């Protein structure tokens, strides 16, 4: 399975795609992703069997596009999101945000 960048339409194997995840926001339950090919930044939600693309809106994350990824699973941790597909897994950590 190849997962596309919605901006440049480059396609990535799951390992390359999920290694490009940069941050997990547990409050909004979203993952920040940067395309290794074009540098586009996307926010997405990892759901069982699919990725939901969208944007934060009024304190929530609004999913507008969905991409099926059969077998995709997730497990929320205190300061991370663990993503698994087949026998592979990836951990997306939460960046510590200092109070302003």
PDB file of N, CA and C in Angstrom:
ATOM      1  N   UNK A   1       0.842  -1.177   0.000  1.00  0.00           N
ATOM      2  CA  UNK A   1       0.000   0.000   0.000  1.00  0.00           C
ATOM      3  C   UNK A   1       0.881   1.232   0.000  1.00  0.00           C
ATOM      4  N   UNK A   2       0.539   2.196  -0.829  1.00  0.00           N
ATOM      5  CA  UNK A   2       1.234   3.472  -0.871  1.00  0.00           C
ATOM      6  C   UNK A   2       0.277   4.566  -0.413  1.00  0.00           C
ATOM      7  N   UNK A   3       0.776   5.464   0.433  1.00  0.00           N
ATOM      8  CA  UNK A   3      -0.046   6.538   0.985  1.00  0.00           C
ATOM      9  C   UNK A   3       0.381   7.847   0.323  1.00  0.00           C
ATOM     10  N   UNK A   4      -0.569   8.588  -0.268  1.00  0.00           N
ATOM     11  CA  UNK A   4      -0.193   9.785  -1.017  1.00  0.00           C
ATOM     12  C   UNK A   4      -0.087  11.045  -0.153  1.00  0.00           C
ATOM     13  N   UNK A   5       0.715  11.977  -0.643  1.00  0.00           N
ATOM     14  CA  UNK A   5       0.694  13.345  -0.132  1.00  0.00           C
ATOM     15  C   UNK A   5      -0.443  14.028  -0.880  1.00  0.00           C
ATOM     16  N   UNK A   6      -1.315  14.695  -0.179  1.00  0.00           N
ATOM     17  CA  UNK A   6      -2.458  15.328  -0.837  1.00  0.00           C
ATOM     18  C   UNK A   6      -2.063  16.568  -1.623  1.00  0.00           C
ATOM     19  N   UNK A   7      -0.865  17.103  -1.380  1.00  0.00           N
ATOM     20  CA  UNK A   7      -0.424  18.309  -2.097  1.00  0.00           C
ATOM     21  C   UNK A   7       0.292  17.970  -3.399  1.00  0.00           C
ATOM     22  N   UNK A   8       1.319  17.112  -3.338  1.00  0.00           N
ATOM     23  CA  UNK A   8       2.128  16.849  -4.541  1.00  0.00           C
ATOM     24  C   UNK A   8       1.834  15.502  -5.185  1.00  0.00           C
ATOM     25  N   UNK A   9       1.003  14.689  -4.528  1.00  0.00           N
ATOM     26  CA  UNK A   9       0.595  13.375  -5.014  1.00  0.00           C
ATOM     27  C   UNK A   9       1.722  12.347  -5.055  1.00  0.00           C
ATOM     28  N   UNK A  10       2.864  12.652  -4.391  1.00  0.00           N
ATOM     29  CA  UNK A  10       3.899  11.628  -4.232  1.00  0.00           C
ATOM     30  C   UNK A  10       3.320  10.530  -3.355  1.00  0.00           C
ATOM     31  N   UNK A  11       3.781   9.321  -3.548  1.00  0.00           N
ATOM     32  CA  UNK A  11       3.262   8.193  -2.782  1.00  0.00           C
ATOM     33  C   UNK A  11       4.389   7.565  -1.968  1.00  0.00           C
ATOM     34  N   UNK A  12       4.039   7.164  -0.733  1.00  0.00           N
ATOM     35  CA  UNK A  12       5.037   6.668   0.202  1.00  0.00           C
ATOM     36  C   UNK A  12       4.606   5.332   0.801  1.00  0.00           C
ATOM     37  N   UNK A  13       5.597   4.473   1.031  1.00  0.00           N
ATOM     38  CA  UNK A  13       5.341   3.251   1.787  1.00  0.00           C
ATOM     39  C   UNK A  13       5.005   3.659   3.218  1.00  0.00           C
ATOM     40  N   UNK A  14       4.221   2.859   3.941  1.00  0.00           N
ATOM     41  CA  UNK A  14       3.820   3.237   5.303  1.00  0.00           C
ATOM     42  C   UNK A  14       4.994   3.620   6.205  1.00  0.00           C
ATOM     43  N   UNK A  15       6.117   2.900   6.123  1.00  0.00           N
ATOM     44  CA  UNK A  15       7.246   3.223   6.989  1.00  0.00           C
ATOM     45  C   UNK A  15       7.760   4.638   6.716  1.00  0.00           C
ATOM     46  N   UNK A  16       7.908   4.989   5.470  1.00  0.00           N
ATOM     47  CA  UNK A  16       8.380   6.327   5.118  1.00  0.00           C
ATOM     48  C   UNK A  16       7.346   7.392   5.500  1.00  0.00           C
ATOM     49  N   UNK A  17       6.078   7.085   5.302  1.00  0.00           N
ATOM     50  CA  UNK A  17       5.010   8.034   5.615  1.00  0.00           C
ATOM     51  C   UNK A  17       4.945   8.323   7.117  1.00  0.00           C
ATOM     52  N   UNK A  18       4.889   7.279   7.926  1.00  0.00           N
ATOM     53  CA  UNK A  18       4.712   7.475   9.362  1.00  0.00           C
ATOM     54  C   UNK A  18       5.987   7.964  10.053  1.00  0.00           C
ATOM     55  N   UNK A  19       7.163   7.723   9.475  1.00  0.00           N
ATOM     56  CA  UNK A  19       8.389   8.299  10.024  1.00  0.00           C
ATOM     57  C   UNK A  19       8.428   9.814   9.816  1.00  0.00           C
ATOM     58  N   UNK A  20       7.635  10.336   8.888  1.00  0.00           N
ATOM     59  CA  UNK A  20       7.585  11.781   8.623  1.00  0.00           C
ATOM     60  C   UNK A  20       6.588  12.502   9.541  1.00  0.00           C
ATOM     61  N   UNK A  21       5.964  11.781  10.460  1.00  0.00           N
ATOM     62  CA  UNK A  21       5.080  12.419  11.439  1.00  0.00           C
ATOM     63  C   UNK A  21       5.943  13.131  12.470  1.00  0.00           C
ATOM     64  N   UNK A  22       5.605  14.379  12.765  1.00  0.00           N
ATOM     65  CA  UNK A  22       6.477  15.193  13.607  1.00  0.00           C
ATOM     66  C   UNK A  22       5.938  15.462  15.005  1.00  0.00           C
ATOM     67  N   UNK A  23       4.634  15.338  15.221  1.00  0.00           N
ATOM     68  CA  UNK A  23       4.072  15.725  16.515  1.00  0.00           C
ATOM     69  C   UNK A  23       2.686  15.117  16.671  1.00  0.00           C
ATOM     70  N   UNK A  24       2.360  14.770  17.917  1.00  0.00           N
ATOM     71  CA  UNK A  24       1.010  14.304  18.228  1.00  0.00           C
ATOM     72  C   UNK A  24       0.389  15.266  19.219  1.00  0.00           C
ATOM     73  N   UNK A  25      -0.748  15.831  18.880  1.00  0.00           N
ATOM     74  CA  UNK A  25      -1.499  16.725  19.765  1.00  0.00           C
ATOM     75  C   UNK A  25      -2.629  15.890  20.363  1.00  0.00           C
ATOM     76  N   UNK A  26      -2.459  15.474  21.616  1.00  0.00           N
ATOM     77  CA  UNK A  26      -3.445  14.587  22.240  1.00  0.00           C
ATOM     78  C   UNK A  26      -4.774  15.292  22.466  1.00  0.00           C
ATOM     79  N   UNK A  27      -4.738  16.588  22.778  1.00  0.00           N
ATOM     80  CA  UNK A  27      -5.967  17.328  23.027  1.00  0.00           C
ATOM     81  C   UNK A  27      -6.885  17.360  21.818  1.00  0.00           C
ATOM     82  N   UNK A  28      -6.315  17.537  20.630  1.00  0.00           N
ATOM     83  CA  UNK A  28      -7.112  17.539  19.397  1.00  0.00           C
ATOM     84  C   UNK A  28      -7.082  16.188  18.695  1.00  0.00           C
ATOM     85  N   UNK A  29      -6.296  15.249  19.235  1.00  0.00           N
ATOM     86  CA  UNK A  29      -6.125  13.922  18.649  1.00  0.00           C
ATOM     87  C   UNK A  29      -5.721  14.031  17.183  1.00  0.00           C
ATOM     88  N   UNK A  30      -4.668  14.808  16.926  1.00  0.00           N
ATOM     89  CA  UNK A  30      -4.190  14.949  15.551  1.00  0.00           C
ATOM     90  C   UNK A  30      -2.688  14.776  15.491  1.00  0.00           C
ATOM     91  N   UNK A  31      -2.240  14.325  14.341  1.00  0.00           N
ATOM     92  CA  UNK A  31      -0.831  14.114  14.057  1.00  0.00           C
ATOM     93  C   UNK A  31      -0.415  15.133  13.011  1.00  0.00           C
ATOM     94  N   UNK A  32       0.740  15.760  13.222  1.00  0.00           N
ATOM     95  CA  UNK A  32       1.304  16.670  12.230  1.00  0.00           C
ATOM     96  C   UNK A  32       2.268  15.871  11.361  1.00  0.00           C
ATOM     97  N   UNK A  33       2.195  16.094  10.065  1.00  0.00           N
ATOM     98  CA  UNK A  33       2.994  15.344   9.094  1.00  0.00           C
ATOM     99  C   UNK A  33       3.617  16.320   8.118  1.00  0.00           C
ATOM    100  N   UNK A  34       4.879  16.083   7.740  1.00  0.00           N
ATOM    101  CA  UNK A  34       5.565  16.901   6.743  1.00  0.00           C
ATOM    102  C   UNK A  34       5.981  15.986   5.597  1.00  0.00           C
ATOM    103  N   UNK A  35       5.547  16.317   4.378  1.00  0.00           N
ATOM    104  CA  UNK A  35       5.855  15.500   3.206  1.00  0.00           C
ATOM    105  C   UNK A  35       7.364  15.498   2.951  1.00  0.00           C
ATOM    106  N   UNK A  36       7.978  14.315   2.866  1.00  0.00           N
ATOM    107  CA  UNK A  36       9.408  14.243   2.588  1.00  0.00           C
ATOM    108  C   UNK A  36       9.760  14.734   1.182  1.00  0.00           C
ATOM    109  N   UNK A  37       8.783  14.786   0.303  1.00  0.00           N
ATOM    110  CA  UNK A  37       9.039  15.178  -1.077  1.00  0.00           C
ATOM    111  C   UNK A  37       8.895  16.681  -1.305  1.00  0.00           C
ATOM    112  N   UNK A  38       7.767  17.276  -0.879  1.00  0.00           N
ATOM    113  CA  UNK A  38       7.497  18.686  -1.188  1.00  0.00           C
ATOM    114  C   UNK A  38       7.526  19.599   0.034  1.00  0.00           C
ATOM    115  N   UNK A  39       7.578  19.029   1.245  1.00  0.00           N
ATOM    116  CA  UNK A  39       7.605  19.844   2.456  1.00  0.00           C
ATOM    117  C   UNK A  39       6.243  20.328   2.928  1.00  0.00           C
ATOM    118  N   UNK A  40       5.163  19.895   2.285  1.00  0.00           N
ATOM    119  CA  UNK A  40       3.811  20.273   2.699  1.00  0.00           C
ATOM    120  C   UNK A  40       3.534  19.778   4.114  1.00  0.00           C
ATOM    121  N   UNK A  41       2.871  20.612   4.908  1.00  0.00           N
ATOM    122  CA  UNK A  41       2.467  20.243   6.273  1.00  0.00           C
ATOM    123  C   UNK A  41       0.992  19.865   6.241  1.00  0.00           C
ATOM    124  N   UNK A  42       0.658  18.713   6.794  1.00  0.00           N
ATOM    125  CA  UNK A  42      -0.734  18.274   6.909  1.00  0.00           C
ATOM    126  C   UNK A  42      -1.017  17.889   8.347  1.00  0.00           C
ATOM    127  N   UNK A  43      -2.253  18.097   8.763  1.00  0.00           N
ATOM    128  CA  UNK A  43      -2.747  17.573  10.030  1.00  0.00           C
ATOM    129  C   UNK A  43      -3.671  16.423   9.698  1.00  0.00           C
ATOM    130  N   UNK A  44      -3.562  15.341  10.452  1.00  0.00           N
ATOM    131  CA  UNK A  44      -4.398  14.180  10.184  1.00  0.00           C
ATOM    132  C   UNK A  44      -4.737  13.480  11.475  1.00  0.00           C
ATOM    133  N   UNK A  45      -5.782  12.710  11.423  1.00  0.00           N
ATOM    134  CA  UNK A  45      -6.186  11.873  12.556  1.00  0.00           C
ATOM    135  C   UNK A  45      -6.041  10.424  12.115  1.00  0.00           C
ATOM    136  N   UNK A  46      -5.368   9.645  12.942  1.00  0.00           N
ATOM    137  CA  UNK A  46      -5.219   8.216  12.673  1.00  0.00           C
ATOM    138  C   UNK A  46      -6.430   7.527  13.288  1.00  0.00           C
ATOM    139  N   UNK A  47      -7.197   6.857  12.455  1.00  0.00           N
ATOM    140  CA  UNK A  47      -8.395   6.153  12.884  1.00  0.00           C
ATOM    141  C   UNK A  47      -8.240   4.674  12.559  1.00  0.00           C
ATOM    142  N   UNK A  48      -8.990   3.804  13.185  1.00  0.00           N
ATOM    143  CA  UNK A  48      -8.904   2.386  12.835  1.00  0.00           C
ATOM    144  C   UNK A  48      -9.242   2.179  11.355  1.00  0.00           C
ATOM    145  N   UNK A  49      -8.260   1.723  10.585  1.00  0.00           N
ATOM    146  CA  UNK A  49      -8.471   1.413   9.182  1.00  0.00           C
ATOM    147  C   UNK A  49      -8.464   2.593   8.232  1.00  0.00           C
ATOM    148  N   UNK A  50      -8.164   3.803   8.724  1.00  0.00           N
ATOM    149  CA  UNK A  50      -8.133   4.944   7.816  1.00  0.00           C
ATOM    150  C   UNK A  50      -7.402   6.141   8.409  1.00  0.00           C
ATOM    151  N   UNK A  51      -7.029   7.052   7.525  1.00  0.00           N
ATOM    152  CA  UNK A  51      -6.457   8.338   7.912  1.00  0.00           C
ATOM    153  C   UNK A  51      -7.497   9.403   7.591  1.00  0.00           C
ATOM    154  N   UNK A  52      -7.700  10.322   8.521  1.00  0.00           N
ATOM    155  CA  UNK A  52      -8.645  11.418   8.313  1.00  0.00           C
ATOM    156  C   UNK A  52      -7.881  12.727   8.214  1.00  0.00           C
ATOM    157  N   UNK A  53      -8.032  13.423   7.095  1.00  0.00           N
ATOM    158  CA  UNK A  53      -7.334  14.685   6.863  1.00  0.00           C
ATOM    159  C   UNK A  53      -8.288  15.845   7.085  1.00  0.00           C
ATOM    160  N   UNK A  54      -7.777  16.917   7.671  1.00  0.00           N
ATOM    161  CA  UNK A  54      -8.619  18.073   7.932  1.00  0.00           C
ATOM    162  C   UNK A  54      -7.823  19.177   8.577  1.00  0.00           C
ATOM    163  N   UNK A  55      -8.482  19.910   9.474  1.00  0.00           N
ATOM    164  CA  UNK A  55      -7.825  21.035  10.139  1.00  0.00           C
ATOM    165  C   UNK A  55      -8.524  21.331  11.464  1.00  0.00           C
ATOM    166  N   UNK A  56      -7.757  21.944  12.395  1.00  0.00           N
ATOM    167  CA  UNK A  56      -8.366  22.337  13.669  1.00  0.00           C
ATOM    168  C   UNK A  56      -9.387  23.454  13.421  1.00  0.00           C
ATOM    169  N   UNK A  57     -10.539  23.355  14.087  1.00  0.00           N
ATOM    170  CA  UNK A  57     -11.605  24.343  13.917  1.00  0.00           C
ATOM    171  C   UNK A  57     -12.393  24.438  15.207  1.00  0.00           C
ATOM    172  N   UNK A  58     -12.385  25.603  15.828  1.00  0.00           N
ATOM    173  CA  UNK A  58     -13.129  25.858  17.065  1.00  0.00           C
ATOM    174  C   UNK A  58     -12.834  24.829  18.162  1.00  0.00           C
ATOM    175  N   UNK A  59     -11.555  24.569  18.368  1.00  0.00           N
ATOM    176  CA  UNK A  59     -11.148  23.678  19.442  1.00  0.00           C
ATOM    177  C   UNK A  59     -11.319  22.200  19.165  1.00  0.00           C
ATOM    178  N   UNK A  60     -11.673  21.858  17.936  1.00  0.00           N
ATOM    179  CA  UNK A  60     -11.830  20.454  17.529  1.00  0.00           C
ATOM    180  C   UNK A  60     -11.076  20.235  16.241  1.00  0.00           C
ATOM    181  N   UNK A  61     -10.948  18.996  15.836  1.00  0.00           N
ATOM    182  CA  UNK A  61     -10.313  18.682  14.561  1.00  0.00           C
ATOM    183  C   UNK A  61     -11.397  18.219  13.596  1.00  0.00           C
ATOM    184  N   UNK A  62     -11.581  18.977  12.524  1.00  0.00           N
ATOM    185  CA  UNK A  62     -12.613  18.660  11.531  1.00  0.00           C
ATOM    186  C   UNK A  62     -12.004  17.800  10.421  1.00  0.00           C
ATOM    187  N   UNK A  63     -12.472  16.566  10.286  1.00  0.00           N
ATOM    188  CA  UNK A  63     -12.004  15.652   9.237  1.00  0.00           C
ATOM    189  C   UNK A  63     -12.838  15.887   7.987  1.00  0.00           C
ATOM    190  N   UNK A  64     -12.162  16.145   6.859  1.00  0.00           N
ATOM    191  CA  UNK A  64     -12.870  16.397   5.608  1.00  0.00           C
ATOM    192  C   UNK A  64     -12.592  15.354   4.535  1.00  0.00           C
ATOM    193  N   UNK A  65     -11.441  14.735   4.578  1.00  0.00           N
ATOM    194  CA  UNK A  65     -11.097  13.704   3.607  1.00  0.00           C
ATOM    195  C   UNK A  65     -10.610  12.476   4.352  1.00  0.00           C
ATOM    196  N   UNK A  66     -11.008  11.319   3.858  1.00  0.00           N
ATOM    197  CA  UNK A  66     -10.605  10.053   4.490  1.00  0.00           C
ATOM    198  C   UNK A  66      -9.915   9.169   3.466  1.00  0.00           C
ATOM    199  N   UNK A  67      -8.874   8.478   3.933  1.00  0.00           N
ATOM    200  CA  UNK A  67      -8.134   7.547   3.093  1.00  0.00           C
ATOM    201  C   UNK A  67      -8.095   6.207   3.811  1.00  0.00           C
ATOM    202  N   UNK A  68      -8.650   5.187   3.183  1.00  0.00           N
ATOM    203  CA  UNK A  68      -8.663   3.861   3.796  1.00  0.00           C
ATOM    204  C   UNK A  68      -7.268   3.257   3.793  1.00  0.00           C
ATOM    205  N   UNK A  69      -6.880   2.722   4.951  1.00  0.00           N
ATOM    206  CA  UNK A  69      -5.613   2.006   5.114  1.00  0.00           C
ATOM    207  C   UNK A  69      -5.960   0.736   5.889  1.00  0.00           C
ATOM    208  N   UNK A  70      -6.347  -0.322   5.175  1.00  0.00           N
ATOM    209  CA  UNK A  70      -6.782  -1.552   5.848  1.00  0.00           C
ATOM    210  C   UNK A  70      -5.731  -2.071   6.823  1.00  0.00           C
ATOM    211  N   UNK A  71      -6.180  -2.407   8.025  1.00  0.00           N
ATOM    212  CA  UNK A  71      -5.307  -2.959   9.047  1.00  0.00           C
ATOM    213  C   UNK A  71      -4.647  -1.916   9.939  1.00  0.00           C
ATOM    214  N   UNK A  72      -4.866  -0.630   9.663  1.00  0.00           N
ATOM    215  CA  UNK A  72      -4.257   0.427  10.469  1.00  0.00           C
ATOM    216  C   UNK A  72      -4.883   0.443  11.863  1.00  0.00           C
ATOM    217  N   UNK A  73      -4.018   0.513  12.887  1.00  0.00           N
ATOM    218  CA  UNK A  73      -4.488   0.554  14.269  1.00  0.00           C
ATOM    219  C   UNK A  73      -3.761   1.659  15.018  1.00  0.00           C
ATOM    220  N   UNK A  74      -4.339   2.091  16.132  1.00  0.00           N
ATOM    221  CA  UNK A  74      -3.743   3.151  16.937  1.00  0.00           C
ATOM    222  C   UNK A  74      -3.944   2.865  18.412  1.00  0.00           C
ATOM    223  N   UNK A  75      -3.040   3.396  19.224  1.00  0.00           N
ATOM    224  CA  UNK A  75      -3.143   3.283  20.672  1.00  0.00           C
ATOM    225  C   UNK A  75      -2.646   4.595  21.260  1.00  0.00           C
ATOM    226  N   UNK A  76      -3.536   5.308  21.946  1.00  0.00           N
ATOM    227  CA  UNK A  76      -3.155   6.590  22.550  1.00  0.00           C
ATOM    228  C   UNK A  76      -2.425   6.351  23.849  1.00  0.00           C
ATOM    229  N   UNK A  77      -1.315   7.053  24.023  1.00  0.00           N
ATOM    230  CA  UNK A  77      -0.575   7.037  25.275  1.00  0.00           C
ATOM    231  C   UNK A  77      -0.679   8.409  25.908  1.00  0.00           C
ATOM    232  N   UNK A  78      -0.051   8.575  27.050  1.00  0.00           N
ATOM    233  CA  UNK A  78      -0.112   9.855  27.742  1.00  0.00           C
ATOM    234  C   UNK A  78       0.505  10.976  26.917  1.00  0.00           C
ATOM    235  N   UNK A  79       1.690  10.740  26.381  1.00  0.00           N
ATOM    236  CA  UNK A  79       2.376  11.767  25.592  1.00  0.00           C
ATOM    237  C   UNK A  79       2.809  11.229  24.234  1.00  0.00           C
ATOM    238  N   UNK A  80       1.987  10.349  23.659  1.00  0.00           N
ATOM    239  CA  UNK A  80       2.355   9.762  22.366  1.00  0.00           C
ATOM    240  C   UNK A  80       1.150   9.083  21.728  1.00  0.00           C
ATOM    241  N   UNK A  81       1.313   8.787  20.451  1.00  0.00           N
ATOM    242  CA  UNK A  81       0.361   7.947  19.729  1.00  0.00           C
ATOM    243  C   UNK A  81       1.158   6.827  19.097  1.00  0.00           C
ATOM    244  N   UNK A  82       0.770   5.589  19.360  1.00  0.00           N
ATOM    245  CA  UNK A  82       1.407   4.437  18.739  1.00  0.00           C
ATOM    246  C   UNK A  82       0.540   4.006  17.563  1.00  0.00           C
ATOM    247  N   UNK A  83       1.151   3.919  16.392  1.00  0.00           N
ATOM    248  CA  UNK A  83       0.467   3.548  15.160  1.00  0.00           C
ATOM    249  C   UNK A  83       1.013   2.194  14.730  1.00  0.00           C
ATOM    250  N   UNK A  84       0.141   1.279  14.333  1.00  0.00           N
ATOM    251  CA  UNK A  84       0.623  -0.015  13.860  1.00  0.00           C
ATOM    252  C   UNK A  84      -0.135  -0.428  12.601  1.00  0.00           C
ATOM    253  N   UNK A  85       0.592  -1.122  11.754  1.00  0.00           N
ATOM    254  CA  UNK A  85       0.054  -1.646  10.501  1.00  0.00           C
ATOM    255  C   UNK A  85       0.815  -2.924  10.199  1.00  0.00           C
ATOM    256  N   UNK A  86       0.095  -4.003  10.056  1.00  0.00           N
ATOM    257  CA  UNK A  86       0.704  -5.316   9.873  1.00  0.00           C
ATOM    258  C   UNK A  86       1.647  -5.579  11.048  1.00  0.00           C
ATOM    259  N   UNK A  87       2.910  -5.900  10.797  1.00  0.00           N
ATOM    260  CA  UNK A  87       3.850  -6.203  11.881  1.00  0.00           C
ATOM    261  C   UNK A  87       4.710  -5.001  12.252  1.00  0.00           C
ATOM    262  N   UNK A  88       4.428  -3.839  11.692  1.00  0.00           N
ATOM    263  CA  UNK A  88       5.240  -2.650  11.933  1.00  0.00           C
ATOM    264  C   UNK A  88       4.529  -1.690  12.884  1.00  0.00           C
ATOM    265  N   UNK A  89       5.320  -0.905  13.598  1.00  0.00           N
ATOM    266  CA  UNK A  89       4.715   0.106  14.473  1.00  0.00           C
ATOM    267  C   UNK A  89       5.597   1.353  14.494  1.00  0.00           C
ATOM    268  N   UNK A  90       4.938   2.483  14.780  1.00  0.00           N
ATOM    269  CA  UNK A  90       5.596   3.782  14.838  1.00  0.00           C
ATOM    270  C   UNK A  90       5.059   4.523  16.049  1.00  0.00           C
ATOM    271  N   UNK A  91       5.925   5.287  16.672  1.00  0.00           N
ATOM    272  CA  UNK A  91       5.538   6.083  17.828  1.00  0.00           C
ATOM    273  C   UNK A  91       5.695   7.558  17.468  1.00  0.00           C
ATOM    274  N   UNK A  92       4.611   8.322  17.635  1.00  0.00           N
ATOM    275  CA  UNK A  92       4.644   9.761  17.389  1.00  0.00           C
ATOM    276  C   UNK A  92       4.531  10.434  18.747  1.00  0.00           C
ATOM    277  N   UNK A  93       5.593  11.118  19.137  1.00  0.00           N
ATOM    278  CA  UNK A  93       5.635  11.752  20.452  1.00  0.00           C
ATOM    279  C   UNK A  93       4.979  13.128  20.422  1.00  0.00           C
ATOM    280  N   UNK A  94       4.535  13.552  21.586  1.00  0.00           N
ATOM    281  CA  UNK A  94       4.007  14.902  21.764  1.00  0.00           C
ATOM    282  C   UNK A  94       5.175  15.818  22.080  1.00  0.00           C
ATOM    283  N   UNK A  95       5.272  16.904  21.333  1.00  0.00           N
ATOM    284  CA  UNK A  95       6.284  17.906  21.657  1.00  0.00           C
ATOM    285  C   UNK A  95       5.836  18.621  22.921  1.00  0.00           C
ATOM    286  N   UNK A  96       6.730  18.790  23.837  1.00  0.00           N
ATOM    287  CA  UNK A  96       6.407  19.495  25.078  1.00  0.00           C
ATOM    288  C   UNK A  96       6.253  20.981  24.750  1.00  0.00           C
ATOM    289  N   UNK A  97       5.093  21.525  25.102  1.00  0.00           N
ATOM    290  CA  UNK A  97       4.817  22.931  24.849  1.00  0.00           C
ATOM    291  C   UNK A  97       4.958  23.698  26.157  1.00  0.00           C
ATOM    292  N   UNK A  98       5.825  24.687  26.146  1.00  0.00           N
ATOM    293  CA  UNK A  98       6.047  25.482  27.346  1.00  0.00           C
ATOM    294  C   UNK A  98       4.943  26.511  27.493  1.00  0.00           C
ATOM    295  N   UNK A  99       4.525  26.809  28.742  1.00  0.00           N
ATOM    296  CA  UNK A  99       3.494  27.821  28.951  1.00  0.00           C
ATOM    297  C   UNK A  99       3.987  29.182  28.465  1.00  0.00           C
ATOM    298  N   UNK A 100       3.064  29.930  27.912  1.00  0.00           N
ATOM    299  CA  UNK A 100       3.424  31.250  27.364  1.00  0.00           C
ATOM    300  C   UNK A 100       3.286  32.307  28.432  1.00  0.00           C
TER     301      UNK A 100
END
